[in-house]
């Protein structure tokens, strides 16, 4: 057995992982109740929460020690992403760390980006089309990364673009590359494009992990309600129409979590061995999260569809976060292409 054989099959957390997870769960529980999430919906961003999160080292942990970071693994990052999804934290941490890691691989990282004092967003749809692009963190980012042909460019704007309203409650904005006040080519060629693709895979992986946390939170909301609401003298949670969907939600959480951690491990250690895992985690959770969140709303009945209900807040983000990368079906096609190439199918 080689030194990686066991780890390919074992995705349990070490004591260090558990401590990291507990620290961020405690942080978000203390600083990001649902009231903070609601208050940030107009802008899609809570600056105070972002500064606190940076103070926790959430941006520096994601970067290698060679560029001033703490050298966390992608498995570590999935744990933070899961806690972000659990509370619907209004901070573009996933976009920032994926873009910052990309800049680090290009040797173009600055201290203010490492610390999070300056935010970086990037084009997670990445269809490489001309004209304006809808960027998930576009209205709050100080820098935007995107592909332009075989160039990876960094854009800055003297005045940030206006936020576009969206069901994911993200700080989205249309970004016109031709209207940028400064445009810098940070890397070019096939190798640069491959690194950009890796950043996209990391974004999809961490978004999948965030959706795992989101589903687990919706499951908790629905389960707690089902234990306290009675019909015909019994809790509604004892009825198959409620208990079976709740069991399905638990299966989704564990399946998505295992898949995300497995994908993270391979992307860190053997990126060429299983390139389909990260996009597969994303496609799986993009499909399952809205279904689970919808069920949580149904369990609560009329209360669940009210604007003030927490379940509603989770539902709109379950639908919107995955769409920040465009149609998940396009990612599914990429998985098919990877598998077809591996099997020699033309």
C-alpha atoms as a PDB file:
ATOM      1  CA  UNK A   1       0.000   0.000   0.000  1.00  0.00           C
ATOM      2  CA  UNK A   2       1.459   3.357  -0.985  1.00  0.00           C
ATOM      3  CA  UNK A   3       1.289   6.314   1.361  1.00  0.00           C
ATOM      4  CA  UNK A   4      -1.781   7.778  -0.352  1.00  0.00           C
ATOM      5  CA  UNK A   5      -3.831   4.596  -0.655  1.00  0.00           C
ATOM      6  CA  UNK A   6      -5.644   4.903   2.669  1.00  0.00           C
ATOM      7  CA  UNK A   7      -6.274   8.617   2.338  1.00  0.00           C
ATOM      8  CA  UNK A   8      -7.961   8.094  -1.020  1.00  0.00           C
ATOM      9  CA  UNK A   9     -10.698   6.241   0.843  1.00  0.00           C
ATOM     10  CA  UNK A  10     -10.704   7.883   4.277  1.00  0.00           C
ATOM     11  CA  UNK A  11     -12.191  11.373   4.575  1.00  0.00           C
ATOM     12  CA  UNK A  12     -12.525  11.554   8.338  1.00  0.00           C
ATOM     13  CA  UNK A  13     -11.252  14.723  10.021  1.00  0.00           C
ATOM     14  CA  UNK A  14      -8.084  14.935  12.063  1.00  0.00           C
ATOM     15  CA  UNK A  15      -8.065  16.639  15.463  1.00  0.00           C
ATOM     16  CA  UNK A  16      -6.599  19.750  13.779  1.00  0.00           C
ATOM     17  CA  UNK A  17      -9.433  19.740  11.248  1.00  0.00           C
ATOM     18  CA  UNK A  18     -11.987  19.437  14.025  1.00  0.00           C
ATOM     19  CA  UNK A  19     -10.430  22.341  15.931  1.00  0.00           C
ATOM     20  CA  UNK A  20     -10.459  24.487  12.785  1.00  0.00           C
ATOM     21  CA  UNK A  21     -14.088  23.644  12.102  1.00  0.00           C
ATOM     22  CA  UNK A  22     -15.096  24.368  15.689  1.00  0.00           C
ATOM     23  CA  UNK A  23     -13.314  27.727  15.665  1.00  0.00           C
ATOM     24  CA  UNK A  24     -15.104  28.950  12.547  1.00  0.00           C
ATOM     25  CA  UNK A  25     -18.452  27.566  13.662  1.00  0.00           C
ATOM     26  CA  UNK A  26     -18.097  29.467  16.924  1.00  0.00           C
ATOM     27  CA  UNK A  27     -17.046  32.603  15.030  1.00  0.00           C
ATOM     28  CA  UNK A  28     -20.023  32.602  12.661  1.00  0.00           C
ATOM     29  CA  UNK A  29     -22.482  31.655  15.398  1.00  0.00           C
ATOM     30  CA  UNK A  30     -21.332  34.697  17.371  1.00  0.00           C
ATOM     31  CA  UNK A  31     -21.037  37.218  14.531  1.00  0.00           C
ATOM     32  CA  UNK A  32     -23.463  36.138  11.821  1.00  0.00           C
ATOM     33  CA  UNK A  33     -26.997  35.499  13.113  1.00  0.00           C
ATOM     34  CA  UNK A  34     -29.824  35.655  10.589  1.00  0.00           C
ATOM     35  CA  UNK A  35     -30.371  39.339  11.446  1.00  0.00           C
ATOM     36  CA  UNK A  36     -26.913  40.179  10.069  1.00  0.00           C
ATOM     37  CA  UNK A  37     -27.692  38.224   6.920  1.00  0.00           C
ATOM     38  CA  UNK A  38     -30.978  40.089   6.428  1.00  0.00           C
ATOM     39  CA  UNK A  39     -29.389  43.490   7.066  1.00  0.00           C
ATOM     40  CA  UNK A  40     -26.786  42.862   4.347  1.00  0.00           C
ATOM     41  CA  UNK A  41     -29.214  41.810   1.616  1.00  0.00           C
ATOM     42  CA  UNK A  42     -29.325  45.197  -0.102  1.00  0.00           C
ATOM     43  CA  UNK A  43     -25.573  45.258  -0.744  1.00  0.00           C
ATOM     44  CA  UNK A  44     -24.814  41.545  -0.547  1.00  0.00           C
ATOM     45  CA  UNK A  45     -21.839  42.320   1.681  1.00  0.00           C
ATOM     46  CA  UNK A  46     -21.187  42.959   5.360  1.00  0.00           C
ATOM     47  CA  UNK A  47     -17.924  44.900   5.635  1.00  0.00           C
ATOM     48  CA  UNK A  48     -17.701  44.517   9.408  1.00  0.00           C
ATOM     49  CA  UNK A  49     -18.113  40.747   9.192  1.00  0.00           C
ATOM     50  CA  UNK A  50     -15.496  40.624   6.420  1.00  0.00           C
ATOM     51  CA  UNK A  51     -12.973  42.524   8.539  1.00  0.00           C
ATOM     52  CA  UNK A  52     -13.616  40.231  11.500  1.00  0.00           C
ATOM     53  CA  UNK A  53     -13.228  37.197   9.247  1.00  0.00           C
ATOM     54  CA  UNK A  54      -9.927  38.513   7.905  1.00  0.00           C
ATOM     55  CA  UNK A  55      -8.839  39.069  11.491  1.00  0.00           C
ATOM     56  CA  UNK A  56      -9.451  35.350  12.063  1.00  0.00           C
ATOM     57  CA  UNK A  57      -6.893  34.639   9.332  1.00  0.00           C
ATOM     58  CA  UNK A  58      -9.455  33.276   6.863  1.00  0.00           C
ATOM     59  CA  UNK A  59      -7.768  34.930   3.880  1.00  0.00           C
ATOM     60  CA  UNK A  60      -4.146  34.269   4.809  1.00  0.00           C
ATOM     61  CA  UNK A  61      -4.824  30.612   5.663  1.00  0.00           C
ATOM     62  CA  UNK A  62      -5.810  29.918   2.079  1.00  0.00           C
ATOM     63  CA  UNK A  63      -2.453  30.919   0.611  1.00  0.00           C
ATOM     64  CA  UNK A  64       0.908  29.145   0.535  1.00  0.00           C
ATOM     65  CA  UNK A  65       3.599  30.161   2.997  1.00  0.00           C
ATOM     66  CA  UNK A  66       5.799  31.265   0.099  1.00  0.00           C
ATOM     67  CA  UNK A  67       3.507  34.259  -0.509  1.00  0.00           C
ATOM     68  CA  UNK A  68       2.834  35.147   3.115  1.00  0.00           C
ATOM     69  CA  UNK A  69       0.004  32.736   3.809  1.00  0.00           C
ATOM     70  CA  UNK A  70      -0.481  29.880   6.251  1.00  0.00           C
ATOM     71  CA  UNK A  71      -0.471  27.010   3.766  1.00  0.00           C
ATOM     72  CA  UNK A  72      -3.889  25.519   4.463  1.00  0.00           C
ATOM     73  CA  UNK A  73      -5.027  22.588   2.354  1.00  0.00           C
ATOM     74  CA  UNK A  74      -8.169  22.568   0.236  1.00  0.00           C
ATOM     75  CA  UNK A  75      -9.744  20.191   2.775  1.00  0.00           C
ATOM     76  CA  UNK A  76      -9.184  22.917   5.389  1.00  0.00           C
ATOM     77  CA  UNK A  77     -10.856  25.437   3.109  1.00  0.00           C
ATOM     78  CA  UNK A  78     -13.910  23.230   2.568  1.00  0.00           C
ATOM     79  CA  UNK A  79     -14.462  23.312   6.339  1.00  0.00           C
ATOM     80  CA  UNK A  80     -14.558  27.115   6.360  1.00  0.00           C
ATOM     81  CA  UNK A  81     -16.787  27.184   3.261  1.00  0.00           C
ATOM     82  CA  UNK A  82     -19.215  24.797   4.930  1.00  0.00           C
ATOM     83  CA  UNK A  83     -19.566  27.127   7.915  1.00  0.00           C
ATOM     84  CA  UNK A  84     -20.116  30.094   5.578  1.00  0.00           C
ATOM     85  CA  UNK A  85     -22.968  28.199   3.925  1.00  0.00           C
ATOM     86  CA  UNK A  86     -24.405  27.129   7.260  1.00  0.00           C
ATOM     87  CA  UNK A  87     -25.086  30.758   8.274  1.00  0.00           C
ATOM     88  CA  UNK A  88     -25.424  32.310   4.777  1.00  0.00           C
ATOM     89  CA  UNK A  89     -22.522  34.653   5.599  1.00  0.00           C
ATOM     90  CA  UNK A  90     -22.674  37.765   3.342  1.00  0.00           C
ATOM     91  CA  UNK A  91     -18.954  37.788   2.508  1.00  0.00           C
ATOM     92  CA  UNK A  92     -17.319  36.848  -0.845  1.00  0.00           C
ATOM     93  CA  UNK A  93     -14.686  34.694   0.845  1.00  0.00           C
ATOM     94  CA  UNK A  94     -14.802  31.905  -1.752  1.00  0.00           C
ATOM     95  CA  UNK A  95     -14.334  34.293  -4.681  1.00  0.00           C
ATOM     96  CA  UNK A  96     -11.533  36.135  -2.924  1.00  0.00           C
ATOM     97  CA  UNK A  97      -9.485  33.119  -1.854  1.00  0.00           C
ATOM     98  CA  UNK A  98      -9.781  31.395  -5.233  1.00  0.00           C
ATOM     99  CA  UNK A  99      -8.701  34.558  -7.050  1.00  0.00           C
ATOM    100  CA  UNK A 100      -5.910  35.228  -4.531  1.00  0.00           C
ATOM    101  CA  UNK A 101      -4.606  31.669  -4.861  1.00  0.00           C
ATOM    102  CA  UNK A 102      -4.566  32.139  -8.632  1.00  0.00           C
ATOM    103  CA  UNK A 103      -2.597  35.373  -8.312  1.00  0.00           C
ATOM    104  CA  UNK A 104      -0.208  33.577  -5.968  1.00  0.00           C
ATOM    105  CA  UNK A 105       0.480  30.907  -8.579  1.00  0.00           C
ATOM    106  CA  UNK A 106       1.242  33.686 -11.053  1.00  0.00           C
ATOM    107  CA  UNK A 107       3.550  35.469  -8.605  1.00  0.00           C
ATOM    108  CA  UNK A 108       1.338  38.574  -8.733  1.00  0.00           C
ATOM    109  CA  UNK A 109       0.036  38.677  -5.174  1.00  0.00           C
ATOM    110  CA  UNK A 110       0.133  41.835  -3.043  1.00  0.00           C
ATOM    111  CA  UNK A 111       0.153  42.111   0.744  1.00  0.00           C
ATOM    112  CA  UNK A 112      -3.214  43.907   0.894  1.00  0.00           C
ATOM    113  CA  UNK A 113      -4.823  41.027  -1.018  1.00  0.00           C
ATOM    114  CA  UNK A 114      -3.227  38.417   1.242  1.00  0.00           C
ATOM    115  CA  UNK A 115      -4.636  40.163   4.315  1.00  0.00           C
ATOM    116  CA  UNK A 116      -8.030  40.821   2.729  1.00  0.00           C
ATOM    117  CA  UNK A 117      -7.758  44.603   2.946  1.00  0.00           C
ATOM    118  CA  UNK A 118      -8.299  44.556  -0.807  1.00  0.00           C
ATOM    119  CA  UNK A 119     -10.871  42.193  -2.269  1.00  0.00           C
ATOM    120  CA  UNK A 120     -10.396  40.226  -5.468  1.00  0.00           C
ATOM    121  CA  UNK A 121     -13.211  38.792  -7.535  1.00  0.00           C
ATOM    122  CA  UNK A 122     -13.107  36.759 -10.705  1.00  0.00           C
ATOM    123  CA  UNK A 123     -15.207  35.506 -13.567  1.00  0.00           C
ATOM    124  CA  UNK A 124     -16.527  32.179 -12.314  1.00  0.00           C
ATOM    125  CA  UNK A 125     -18.655  31.606 -15.419  1.00  0.00           C
ATOM    126  CA  UNK A 126     -15.582  31.945 -17.636  1.00  0.00           C
ATOM    127  CA  UNK A 127     -17.138  31.432 -21.035  1.00  0.00           C
ATOM    128  CA  UNK A 128     -14.387  33.693 -22.395  1.00  0.00           C
ATOM    129  CA  UNK A 129     -16.869  35.760 -24.375  1.00  0.00           C
ATOM    130  CA  UNK A 130     -16.420  39.399 -25.415  1.00  0.00           C
ATOM    131  CA  UNK A 131     -18.330  42.207 -23.729  1.00  0.00           C
ATOM    132  CA  UNK A 132     -19.560  42.712 -20.188  1.00  0.00           C
ATOM    133  CA  UNK A 133     -19.618  39.843 -17.713  1.00  0.00           C
ATOM    134  CA  UNK A 134     -21.655  39.276 -14.572  1.00  0.00           C
ATOM    135  CA  UNK A 135     -19.146  38.849 -11.737  1.00  0.00           C
ATOM    136  CA  UNK A 136     -20.371  37.467  -8.350  1.00  0.00           C
ATOM    137  CA  UNK A 137     -18.254  39.877  -6.253  1.00  0.00           C
ATOM    138  CA  UNK A 138     -18.135  42.632  -8.860  1.00  0.00           C
ATOM    139  CA  UNK A 139     -19.720  45.425  -6.808  1.00  0.00           C
ATOM    140  CA  UNK A 140     -17.310  45.117  -3.840  1.00  0.00           C
ATOM    141  CA  UNK A 141     -14.049  43.841  -5.355  1.00  0.00           C
ATOM    142  CA  UNK A 142     -11.013  46.110  -5.682  1.00  0.00           C
ATOM    143  CA  UNK A 143      -9.615  43.900  -8.456  1.00  0.00           C
ATOM    144  CA  UNK A 144     -11.281  41.605 -10.987  1.00  0.00           C
ATOM    145  CA  UNK A 145      -9.565  38.662 -12.671  1.00  0.00           C
ATOM    146  CA  UNK A 146     -10.841  37.239 -15.931  1.00  0.00           C
ATOM    147  CA  UNK A 147      -9.687  35.494 -19.061  1.00  0.00           C
ATOM    148  CA  UNK A 148      -9.377  37.363 -22.320  1.00  0.00           C
ATOM    149  CA  UNK A 149      -8.385  34.853 -24.976  1.00  0.00           C
ATOM    150  CA  UNK A 150      -5.152  33.282 -23.711  1.00  0.00           C
ATOM    151  CA  UNK A 151      -4.483  36.173 -21.329  1.00  0.00           C
ATOM    152  CA  UNK A 152      -5.443  36.322 -17.681  1.00  0.00           C
ATOM    153  CA  UNK A 153      -5.979  39.993 -16.886  1.00  0.00           C
ATOM    154  CA  UNK A 154      -6.540  42.022 -13.751  1.00  0.00           C
ATOM    155  CA  UNK A 155      -8.941  44.967 -13.927  1.00  0.00           C
ATOM    156  CA  UNK A 156      -9.419  47.856 -11.531  1.00  0.00           C
ATOM    157  CA  UNK A 157     -12.086  50.558 -11.510  1.00  0.00           C
ATOM    158  CA  UNK A 158     -11.972  54.012  -9.924  1.00  0.00           C
ATOM    159  CA  UNK A 159     -15.703  53.694  -9.225  1.00  0.00           C
ATOM    160  CA  UNK A 160     -17.056  50.256  -8.417  1.00  0.00           C
ATOM    161  CA  UNK A 161     -19.888  49.071 -10.690  1.00  0.00           C
ATOM    162  CA  UNK A 162     -23.415  49.120  -9.280  1.00  0.00           C
ATOM    163  CA  UNK A 163     -24.742  45.920  -7.739  1.00  0.00           C
ATOM    164  CA  UNK A 164     -27.255  43.902  -9.737  1.00  0.00           C
ATOM    165  CA  UNK A 165     -30.149  42.446  -7.737  1.00  0.00           C
ATOM    166  CA  UNK A 166     -30.100  38.642  -7.696  1.00  0.00           C
ATOM    167  CA  UNK A 167     -31.796  35.797  -5.848  1.00  0.00           C
ATOM    168  CA  UNK A 168     -28.506  34.638  -4.338  1.00  0.00           C
ATOM    169  CA  UNK A 169     -28.202  38.020  -2.569  1.00  0.00           C
ATOM    170  CA  UNK A 170     -24.599  38.249  -3.847  1.00  0.00           C
ATOM    171  CA  UNK A 171     -22.708  41.517  -4.511  1.00  0.00           C
ATOM    172  CA  UNK A 172     -22.965  40.885  -8.267  1.00  0.00           C
ATOM    173  CA  UNK A 173     -22.209  43.495 -10.890  1.00  0.00           C
ATOM    174  CA  UNK A 174     -21.776  43.749 -14.634  1.00  0.00           C
ATOM    175  CA  UNK A 175     -18.097  44.217 -15.425  1.00  0.00           C
ATOM    176  CA  UNK A 176     -17.108  45.770 -18.743  1.00  0.00           C
ATOM    177  CA  UNK A 177     -13.413  44.989 -19.408  1.00  0.00           C
ATOM    178  CA  UNK A 178     -13.201  47.869 -21.883  1.00  0.00           C
ATOM    179  CA  UNK A 179     -14.320  50.369 -19.211  1.00  0.00           C
ATOM    180  CA  UNK A 180     -11.615  49.468 -16.682  1.00  0.00           C
ATOM    181  CA  UNK A 181      -9.388  52.272 -15.427  1.00  0.00           C
ATOM    182  CA  UNK A 182      -6.416  49.901 -15.354  1.00  0.00           C
ATOM    183  CA  UNK A 183      -5.820  46.609 -17.148  1.00  0.00           C
ATOM    184  CA  UNK A 184      -2.842  44.384 -16.408  1.00  0.00           C
ATOM    185  CA  UNK A 185      -1.995  41.077 -18.060  1.00  0.00           C
ATOM    186  CA  UNK A 186      -0.796  38.847 -15.225  1.00  0.00           C
ATOM    187  CA  UNK A 187      -0.163  35.708 -17.285  1.00  0.00           C
ATOM    188  CA  UNK A 188      -0.577  34.393 -20.823  1.00  0.00           C
ATOM    189  CA  UNK A 189      -0.609  31.162 -22.760  1.00  0.00           C
ATOM    190  CA  UNK A 190      -1.977  27.637 -22.320  1.00  0.00           C
ATOM    191  CA  UNK A 191      -0.360  27.230 -18.881  1.00  0.00           C
ATOM    192  CA  UNK A 192      -2.066  30.407 -17.652  1.00  0.00           C
ATOM    193  CA  UNK A 193      -5.410  29.171 -18.970  1.00  0.00           C
ATOM    194  CA  UNK A 194      -4.890  25.841 -17.195  1.00  0.00           C
ATOM    195  CA  UNK A 195      -4.224  27.663 -13.921  1.00  0.00           C
ATOM    196  CA  UNK A 196      -7.406  29.671 -14.432  1.00  0.00           C
ATOM    197  CA  UNK A 197      -9.301  26.425 -14.928  1.00  0.00           C
ATOM    198  CA  UNK A 198      -7.882  25.161 -11.634  1.00  0.00           C
ATOM    199  CA  UNK A 199      -9.185  28.316  -9.927  1.00  0.00           C
ATOM    200  CA  UNK A 200     -12.615  27.604 -11.399  1.00  0.00           C
ATOM    201  CA  UNK A 201     -12.476  24.056 -10.056  1.00  0.00           C
ATOM    202  CA  UNK A 202     -11.526  25.380  -6.626  1.00  0.00           C
ATOM    203  CA  UNK A 203     -14.429  27.854  -6.760  1.00  0.00           C
ATOM    204  CA  UNK A 204     -16.879  25.096  -7.640  1.00  0.00           C
ATOM    205  CA  UNK A 205     -15.460  22.834  -4.948  1.00  0.00           C
ATOM    206  CA  UNK A 206     -15.765  25.456  -2.195  1.00  0.00           C
ATOM    207  CA  UNK A 207     -19.214  26.490  -3.405  1.00  0.00           C
ATOM    208  CA  UNK A 208     -20.267  22.840  -3.183  1.00  0.00           C
ATOM    209  CA  UNK A 209     -18.960  22.744   0.401  1.00  0.00           C
ATOM    210  CA  UNK A 210     -20.885  25.930   1.234  1.00  0.00           C
ATOM    211  CA  UNK A 211     -24.053  24.338  -0.162  1.00  0.00           C
ATOM    212  CA  UNK A 212     -23.446  21.311   2.082  1.00  0.00           C
ATOM    213  CA  UNK A 213     -23.477  23.626   5.101  1.00  0.00           C
ATOM    214  CA  UNK A 214     -26.577  25.360   3.752  1.00  0.00           C
ATOM    215  CA  UNK A 215     -28.450  22.064   3.362  1.00  0.00           C
ATOM    216  CA  UNK A 216     -27.482  20.909   6.843  1.00  0.00           C
ATOM    217  CA  UNK A 217     -28.824  24.171   8.280  1.00  0.00           C
ATOM    218  CA  UNK A 218     -32.107  23.842   6.367  1.00  0.00           C
ATOM    219  CA  UNK A 219     -32.399  20.261   7.586  1.00  0.00           C
ATOM    220  CA  UNK A 220     -31.994  21.455  11.163  1.00  0.00           C
ATOM    221  CA  UNK A 221     -34.629  24.166  10.695  1.00  0.00           C
ATOM    222  CA  UNK A 222     -37.096  21.652   9.251  1.00  0.00           C
ATOM    223  CA  UNK A 223     -36.344  18.946  11.827  1.00  0.00           C
ATOM    224  CA  UNK A 224     -36.753  21.284  14.795  1.00  0.00           C
ATOM    225  CA  UNK A 225     -40.085  22.494  13.418  1.00  0.00           C
ATOM    226  CA  UNK A 226     -41.235  18.930  12.744  1.00  0.00           C
ATOM    227  CA  UNK A 227     -40.544  17.944  16.353  1.00  0.00           C
ATOM    228  CA  UNK A 228     -42.692  20.740  17.798  1.00  0.00           C
ATOM    229  CA  UNK A 229     -45.686  20.801  15.408  1.00  0.00           C
ATOM    230  CA  UNK A 230     -48.385  18.193  16.087  1.00  0.00           C
ATOM    231  CA  UNK A 231     -51.187  16.710  14.030  1.00  0.00           C
ATOM    232  CA  UNK A 232     -53.655  14.058  15.236  1.00  0.00           C
ATOM    233  CA  UNK A 233     -51.783  14.022  18.532  1.00  0.00           C
ATOM    234  CA  UNK A 234     -48.348  13.134  17.097  1.00  0.00           C
ATOM    235  CA  UNK A 235     -45.376  15.244  15.948  1.00  0.00           C
ATOM    236  CA  UNK A 236     -45.462  15.739  12.185  1.00  0.00           C
ATOM    237  CA  UNK A 237     -41.865  14.497  12.106  1.00  0.00           C
ATOM    238  CA  UNK A 238     -43.167  10.998  12.893  1.00  0.00           C
ATOM    239  CA  UNK A 239     -45.090  10.920   9.605  1.00  0.00           C
ATOM    240  CA  UNK A 240     -43.403   9.321   6.596  1.00  0.00           C
ATOM    241  CA  UNK A 241     -44.213  12.292   4.378  1.00  0.00           C
ATOM    242  CA  UNK A 242     -41.939  14.377   6.629  1.00  0.00           C
ATOM    243  CA  UNK A 243     -39.444  11.894   8.072  1.00  0.00           C
ATOM    244  CA  UNK A 244     -38.427  10.371   4.746  1.00  0.00           C
ATOM    245  CA  UNK A 245     -37.550  13.695   3.074  1.00  0.00           C
ATOM    246  CA  UNK A 246     -35.620  14.700   6.205  1.00  0.00           C
ATOM    247  CA  UNK A 247     -33.676  11.436   5.962  1.00  0.00           C
ATOM    248  CA  UNK A 248     -32.957  12.215   2.308  1.00  0.00           C
ATOM    249  CA  UNK A 249     -31.587  15.615   3.331  1.00  0.00           C
ATOM    250  CA  UNK A 250     -29.242  13.918   5.803  1.00  0.00           C
ATOM    251  CA  UNK A 251     -28.029  11.624   3.019  1.00  0.00           C
ATOM    252  CA  UNK A 252     -27.401  14.625   0.755  1.00  0.00           C
ATOM    253  CA  UNK A 253     -25.370  16.341   3.476  1.00  0.00           C
ATOM    254  CA  UNK A 254     -23.121  13.348   4.088  1.00  0.00           C
ATOM    255  CA  UNK A 255     -22.782  12.469   0.404  1.00  0.00           C
ATOM    256  CA  UNK A 256     -21.962  16.032  -0.610  1.00  0.00           C
ATOM    257  CA  UNK A 257     -19.535  16.432   2.274  1.00  0.00           C
ATOM    258  CA  UNK A 258     -17.649  13.230   1.433  1.00  0.00           C
ATOM    259  CA  UNK A 259     -17.527  14.099  -2.255  1.00  0.00           C
ATOM    260  CA  UNK A 260     -16.254  17.626  -1.566  1.00  0.00           C
ATOM    261  CA  UNK A 261     -13.541  16.403   0.784  1.00  0.00           C
ATOM    262  CA  UNK A 262     -12.483  13.699  -1.629  1.00  0.00           C
ATOM    263  CA  UNK A 263     -12.343  16.199  -4.478  1.00  0.00           C
ATOM    264  CA  UNK A 264     -10.318  18.587  -2.307  1.00  0.00           C
ATOM    265  CA  UNK A 265      -7.804  15.905  -1.424  1.00  0.00           C
ATOM    266  CA  UNK A 266      -7.289  14.873  -5.049  1.00  0.00           C
ATOM    267  CA  UNK A 267      -7.094  18.466  -6.279  1.00  0.00           C
ATOM    268  CA  UNK A 268      -4.343  19.133  -3.730  1.00  0.00           C
ATOM    269  CA  UNK A 269      -2.384  15.890  -4.071  1.00  0.00           C
ATOM    270  CA  UNK A 270      -3.167  14.240  -7.413  1.00  0.00           C
ATOM    271  CA  UNK A 271      -4.871  16.913  -9.532  1.00  0.00           C
ATOM    272  CA  UNK A 272      -4.529  14.971 -12.790  1.00  0.00           C
ATOM    273  CA  UNK A 273      -5.852  11.688 -11.405  1.00  0.00           C
ATOM    274  CA  UNK A 274      -9.515  12.630 -10.836  1.00  0.00           C
ATOM    275  CA  UNK A 275     -10.186  16.049 -12.427  1.00  0.00           C
ATOM    276  CA  UNK A 276     -13.916  15.306 -12.604  1.00  0.00           C
ATOM    277  CA  UNK A 277     -14.417  15.204  -8.820  1.00  0.00           C
ATOM    278  CA  UNK A 278     -14.485  18.959  -8.084  1.00  0.00           C
ATOM    279  CA  UNK A 279     -17.016  19.790 -10.833  1.00  0.00           C
ATOM    280  CA  UNK A 280     -19.002  16.678  -9.848  1.00  0.00           C
ATOM    281  CA  UNK A 281     -19.298  17.912  -6.256  1.00  0.00           C
ATOM    282  CA  UNK A 282     -20.555  21.236  -7.580  1.00  0.00           C
ATOM    283  CA  UNK A 283     -23.111  19.724  -9.960  1.00  0.00           C
ATOM    284  CA  UNK A 284     -24.398  17.348  -7.268  1.00  0.00           C
ATOM    285  CA  UNK A 285     -24.929  20.081  -4.685  1.00  0.00           C
ATOM    286  CA  UNK A 286     -26.252  22.583  -7.243  1.00  0.00           C
ATOM    287  CA  UNK A 287     -28.991  20.045  -7.992  1.00  0.00           C
ATOM    288  CA  UNK A 288     -29.681  18.815  -4.456  1.00  0.00           C
ATOM    289  CA  UNK A 289     -29.470  22.041  -2.428  1.00  0.00           C
ATOM    290  CA  UNK A 290     -32.543  23.753  -3.966  1.00  0.00           C
ATOM    291  CA  UNK A 291     -34.520  20.515  -3.598  1.00  0.00           C
ATOM    292  CA  UNK A 292     -33.606  20.182   0.080  1.00  0.00           C
ATOM    293  CA  UNK A 293     -34.249  23.858   0.819  1.00  0.00           C
ATOM    294  CA  UNK A 294     -37.627  23.647  -0.916  1.00  0.00           C
ATOM    295  CA  UNK A 295     -38.537  20.683   1.263  1.00  0.00           C
ATOM    296  CA  UNK A 296     -37.601  22.648   4.385  1.00  0.00           C
ATOM    297  CA  UNK A 297     -40.023  25.383   3.310  1.00  0.00           C
ATOM    298  CA  UNK A 298     -42.754  22.816   2.661  1.00  0.00           C
ATOM    299  CA  UNK A 299     -42.311  21.267   6.104  1.00  0.00           C
ATOM    300  CA  UNK A 300     -43.065  24.639   7.658  1.00  0.00           C
ATOM    301  CA  UNK A 301     -46.086  25.224   5.428  1.00  0.00           C
ATOM    302  CA  UNK A 302     -47.368  28.816   5.328  1.00  0.00           C
ATOM    303  CA  UNK A 303     -44.721  29.952   7.795  1.00  0.00           C
ATOM    304  CA  UNK A 304     -41.958  28.646   5.521  1.00  0.00           C
ATOM    305  CA  UNK A 305     -42.945  30.827   2.575  1.00  0.00           C
ATOM    306  CA  UNK A 306     -43.167  34.025   4.634  1.00  0.00           C
ATOM    307  CA  UNK A 307     -40.548  36.627   3.911  1.00  0.00           C
ATOM    308  CA  UNK A 308     -39.259  36.676   7.483  1.00  0.00           C
ATOM    309  CA  UNK A 309     -38.780  32.893   7.702  1.00  0.00           C
ATOM    310  CA  UNK A 310     -35.178  31.699   7.799  1.00  0.00           C
ATOM    311  CA  UNK A 311     -36.098  28.818   5.500  1.00  0.00           C
ATOM    312  CA  UNK A 312     -36.932  31.308   2.742  1.00  0.00           C
ATOM    313  CA  UNK A 313     -33.530  32.949   3.072  1.00  0.00           C
ATOM    314  CA  UNK A 314     -31.871  29.565   2.643  1.00  0.00           C
ATOM    315  CA  UNK A 315     -34.034  28.640  -0.333  1.00  0.00           C
ATOM    316  CA  UNK A 316     -33.197  31.703  -2.434  1.00  0.00           C
ATOM    317  CA  UNK A 317     -29.474  31.243  -1.820  1.00  0.00           C
ATOM    318  CA  UNK A 318     -29.649  27.529  -2.524  1.00  0.00           C
ATOM    319  CA  UNK A 319     -30.954  28.455  -5.950  1.00  0.00           C
ATOM    320  CA  UNK A 320     -28.805  31.524  -6.521  1.00  0.00           C
ATOM    321  CA  UNK A 321     -25.305  30.605  -5.363  1.00  0.00           C
ATOM    322  CA  UNK A 322     -24.790  27.824  -7.884  1.00  0.00           C
ATOM    323  CA  UNK A 323     -26.062  30.016 -10.721  1.00  0.00           C
ATOM    324  CA  UNK A 324     -23.254  32.506 -10.026  1.00  0.00           C
ATOM    325  CA  UNK A 325     -21.156  30.179 -12.192  1.00  0.00           C
ATOM    326  CA  UNK A 326     -23.737  30.155 -14.955  1.00  0.00           C
ATOM    327  CA  UNK A 327     -25.683  27.036 -15.911  1.00  0.00           C
ATOM    328  CA  UNK A 328     -24.529  24.026 -13.815  1.00  0.00           C
ATOM    329  CA  UNK A 329     -25.393  21.971 -16.884  1.00  0.00           C
ATOM    330  CA  UNK A 330     -22.323  23.416 -18.605  1.00  0.00           C
ATOM    331  CA  UNK A 331     -20.191  22.022 -15.781  1.00  0.00           C
ATOM    332  CA  UNK A 332     -21.925  18.660 -16.184  1.00  0.00           C
ATOM    333  CA  UNK A 333     -20.929  18.675 -19.849  1.00  0.00           C
ATOM    334  CA  UNK A 334     -17.326  19.276 -18.813  1.00  0.00           C
ATOM    335  CA  UNK A 335     -17.488  16.224 -16.547  1.00  0.00           C
ATOM    336  CA  UNK A 336     -18.763  14.208 -19.514  1.00  0.00           C
ATOM    337  CA  UNK A 337     -15.926  15.463 -21.681  1.00  0.00           C
ATOM    338  CA  UNK A 338     -13.329  14.524 -19.046  1.00  0.00           C
ATOM    339  CA  UNK A 339     -14.737  11.013 -18.697  1.00  0.00           C
ATOM    340  CA  UNK A 340     -15.086  10.546 -22.452  1.00  0.00           C
ATOM    341  CA  UNK A 341     -11.469  11.536 -22.984  1.00  0.00           C
ATOM    342  CA  UNK A 342     -10.337   9.136 -20.248  1.00  0.00           C
ATOM    343  CA  UNK A 343     -12.263   6.272 -21.818  1.00  0.00           C
ATOM    344  CA  UNK A 344     -11.149   7.176 -25.341  1.00  0.00           C
ATOM    345  CA  UNK A 345     -14.674   7.944 -26.512  1.00  0.00           C
ATOM    346  CA  UNK A 346     -14.798  10.391 -29.401  1.00  0.00           C
END
